[in-house]
Amino acid sequence: MTNGSYALKARSHPSYVAFILHRVSGLLLAAFLPLHFLALSQALHGEAALDSFLSWADNPMVKIAEVGLVLMLALHLGCGLRVMALEALGWTSWQKSMVAIAFGGSLVAGTFFLLRVF
């Protein structure tokens, strides 16, 4: 097997996909923080400012973005738990199952949140 085909095969492995999604979800969560801090600062500026922000947050597109945020949070948590299990238990034959549990758990959390939002 050549190095190029080995690298391509390794990048299609579920553990590599989980690695990438863990990093991307972390970056997206970090990108959300300024908006979160803006919302918190509106509460400090008074009731009218917070009410204005909350009325904007009732927009359906914002609700969809919130569902995406919860999915990213659950995905980041699930993949992080997988990494912690990998460090504590070592490489096991059930790595693909751990990836599936992380993805499935994040989808369940996102679905429950979606049902509550709409």
Protein backbone atom coordinates (compact mmCIF):
# COMPACT_ATOMS: atom_id res chain seq x y z
CA MET A 1 0.00 0.00 0.00
CA THR A 2 1.44 3.40 -0.94
CA ASN A 3 1.64 6.31 1.46
CA GLY A 4 -0.97 8.27 -0.48
CA SER A 5 -3.58 5.53 -0.42
CA TYR A 6 -2.84 4.82 3.25
CA ALA A 7 -3.36 8.49 4.14
CA LEU A 8 -6.63 8.57 2.22
CA LYS A 9 -7.83 5.40 3.94
CA ALA A 10 -6.85 6.77 7.36
CA ARG A 11 -8.76 10.01 6.73
CA SER A 12 -11.94 8.12 5.93
CA HIS A 13 -11.80 6.21 9.23
CA PRO A 14 -14.62 7.12 11.66
CA SER A 15 -12.10 8.06 14.36
CA TYR A 16 -10.48 10.61 12.04
CA VAL A 17 -13.91 12.04 11.19
CA ALA A 18 -14.63 12.29 14.94
CA PHE A 19 -11.26 14.02 15.42
CA ILE A 20 -12.08 16.62 12.75
CA LEU A 21 -15.64 17.18 13.99
CA HIS A 22 -14.40 17.60 17.55
CA ARG A 23 -12.02 20.36 16.43
CA VAL A 24 -14.55 22.06 14.14
CA SER A 25 -17.31 21.98 16.76
CA GLY A 26 -14.90 23.51 19.28
CA LEU A 27 -14.06 26.34 16.88
CA LEU A 28 -17.74 26.98 16.15
CA LEU A 29 -18.55 27.04 19.85
CA ALA A 30 -15.72 29.52 20.40
CA ALA A 31 -17.08 31.67 17.56
CA PHE A 32 -20.46 31.75 19.34
CA LEU A 33 -19.02 33.21 22.54
CA PRO A 34 -19.04 36.89 21.42
CA LEU A 35 -22.77 36.66 20.67
CA HIS A 36 -23.35 35.04 24.05
CA PHE A 37 -21.40 37.80 25.78
CA LEU A 38 -23.43 40.38 23.84
CA ALA A 39 -26.64 38.82 25.14
CA LEU A 40 -25.33 38.89 28.68
CA SER A 41 -24.26 42.52 28.33
CA GLN A 42 -27.77 43.45 27.19
CA ALA A 43 -29.06 42.30 30.57
CA LEU A 44 -26.66 44.75 32.22
CA HIS A 45 -27.94 47.64 30.09
CA GLY A 46 -31.49 47.30 31.32
CA GLU A 47 -34.73 45.52 30.75
CA ALA A 48 -35.54 47.25 27.45
CA ALA A 49 -32.22 46.29 25.87
CA LEU A 50 -32.59 42.68 26.96
CA ASP A 51 -36.20 42.53 25.73
CA SER A 52 -35.08 43.86 22.36
CA PHE A 53 -32.41 41.17 22.11
CA LEU A 54 -34.83 38.45 23.20
CA SER A 55 -37.40 39.53 20.61
CA TRP A 56 -34.66 39.20 17.96
CA ALA A 57 -33.86 35.75 19.36
CA ASP A 58 -37.46 34.67 18.68
CA ASN A 59 -36.73 34.81 14.94
CA PRO A 60 -37.10 31.30 13.39
CA MET A 61 -33.64 31.53 11.80
CA VAL A 62 -32.13 32.22 15.21
CA LYS A 63 -34.01 29.21 16.60
CA ILE A 64 -32.52 27.02 13.85
CA ALA A 65 -29.08 28.41 14.69
CA GLU A 66 -29.73 27.53 18.35
CA VAL A 67 -30.48 23.95 17.33
CA GLY A 68 -27.18 23.89 15.44
CA LEU A 69 -25.46 25.27 18.52
CA VAL A 70 -26.91 22.53 20.72
CA LEU A 71 -25.86 19.93 18.14
CA MET A 72 -22.32 21.34 18.13
CA LEU A 73 -22.23 21.35 21.93
CA ALA A 74 -23.47 17.77 22.16
CA LEU A 75 -21.10 16.66 19.41
CA HIS A 76 -18.16 18.35 21.10
CA LEU A 77 -19.11 16.75 24.42
CA GLY A 78 -19.54 13.29 22.91
CA CYS A 79 -16.29 13.43 20.96
CA GLY A 80 -14.48 14.81 24.00
CA LEU A 81 -15.75 11.92 26.12
CA ARG A 82 -14.53 9.56 23.40
CA VAL A 83 -11.06 11.11 23.57
CA MET A 84 -11.04 10.83 27.37
CA ALA A 85 -12.06 7.16 27.14
CA LEU A 86 -9.33 6.62 24.56
CA GLU A 87 -6.75 8.13 26.88
CA ALA A 88 -7.96 6.18 29.91
CA LEU A 89 -8.63 2.83 28.25
CA GLY A 90 -6.19 2.83 25.36
CA TRP A 91 -7.00 1.87 21.80
CA THR A 92 -9.77 -0.69 21.73
CA SER A 93 -11.53 -2.66 19.05
CA TRP A 94 -14.76 -0.77 19.72
CA GLN A 95 -13.57 2.68 18.63
CA LYS A 96 -16.19 2.78 15.88
CA SER A 97 -18.88 2.09 18.47
CA MET A 98 -17.63 4.98 20.59
CA VAL A 99 -17.80 7.27 17.55
CA ALA A 100 -21.34 6.08 16.80
CA ILE A 101 -22.40 6.70 20.40
CA ALA A 102 -20.96 10.24 20.26
CA PHE A 103 -22.73 11.03 16.98
CA GLY A 104 -25.98 9.37 18.04
CA GLY A 105 -26.03 11.12 21.39
CA SER A 106 -25.54 14.51 19.76
CA LEU A 107 -28.36 13.84 17.29
CA VAL A 108 -30.69 12.79 20.12
CA ALA A 109 -29.84 15.94 22.10
CA GLY A 110 -30.35 18.14 19.04
CA THR A 111 -33.66 16.47 18.22
CA PHE A 112 -34.99 16.94 21.75
CA PHE A 113 -33.96 20.59 21.64
CA LEU A 114 -35.55 21.03 18.22
CA LEU A 115 -38.83 19.63 19.52
CA ARG A 116 -38.77 22.03 22.47
CA VAL A 117 -37.91 25.09 20.35
CA PHE A 118 -40.65 24.75 17.75
